[in-house]
Amino acid sequence: MAFIEEKILEEEDKKVVDSFNFIDPLRNEPSNPRYWIVDRERNAFLVAIGGGG
């Protein structure tokens, strides 16, 4: 399977992302990603935690 973009909707997925305690580097506050790029077969994902621009 390849990486695909998904909205983080499932409670199980939210728990995975929350477990990393991501911090927005610009605001120094917890980041709450709503989307991720995920390869479930390899248990790998990418998230944007803040910044941009």
Protein backbone atom coordinates (compact mmCIF):
# COMPACT_ATOMS: atom_id res chain seq x y z
CA MET A 1 0.00 0.00 0.00
CA ALA A 2 1.14 3.55 -0.66
CA PHE A 3 0.87 6.69 1.44
CA ILE A 4 -2.56 8.32 1.27
CA GLU A 5 -3.95 11.53 2.76
CA GLU A 6 -6.72 11.05 5.31
CA LYS A 7 -8.68 13.19 7.71
CA ILE A 8 -8.07 11.95 11.26
CA LEU A 9 -11.58 10.88 12.29
CA GLU A 10 -11.30 7.55 14.08
CA GLU A 11 -10.76 7.63 17.86
CA GLU A 12 -7.98 5.04 17.53
CA ASP A 13 -6.13 7.30 15.06
CA LYS A 14 -6.61 10.36 17.29
CA LYS A 15 -5.06 8.44 20.19
CA VAL A 16 -2.01 7.58 18.07
CA VAL A 17 -1.43 11.21 17.08
CA ASP A 18 -2.13 12.51 20.61
CA SER A 19 0.40 10.07 22.07
CA PHE A 20 3.26 12.03 20.46
CA ASN A 21 2.36 15.33 22.18
CA PHE A 22 3.30 17.39 19.11
CA ILE A 23 4.10 21.08 19.80
CA ASP A 24 3.49 23.88 17.28
CA PRO A 25 6.98 25.38 16.82
CA LEU A 26 5.71 28.94 16.26
CA ARG A 27 3.20 29.24 19.07
CA ASN A 28 4.84 26.78 21.48
CA GLU A 29 1.42 25.23 22.09
CA PRO A 30 0.10 21.72 21.57
CA SER A 31 -0.55 20.96 17.91
CA ASN A 32 -3.74 19.17 16.93
CA PRO A 33 -3.30 17.83 13.37
CA ARG A 34 -6.55 17.14 11.51
CA TYR A 35 -5.02 15.38 8.50
CA TRP A 36 -2.16 12.98 8.00
CA ILE A 37 -0.40 11.12 5.23
CA VAL A 38 -0.50 7.47 6.27
CA ASP A 39 0.72 4.07 5.10
CA ARG A 40 -1.19 1.73 7.39
CA GLU A 41 0.55 -1.38 6.04
CA ARG A 42 3.94 -0.06 7.20
CA ASN A 43 2.55 1.74 10.26
CA ALA A 44 4.06 5.02 9.05
CA PHE A 45 2.61 8.51 8.93
CA LEU A 46 3.47 12.17 8.35
CA VAL A 47 1.76 15.15 9.97
CA ALA A 48 2.13 18.92 9.77
CA ILE A 49 2.57 20.28 13.30
CA GLY A 50 2.49 23.99 12.55
CA GLY A 51 4.38 26.76 10.93
CA GLY A 52 3.93 26.99 7.21
CA GLY A 53 3.79 30.17 5.22
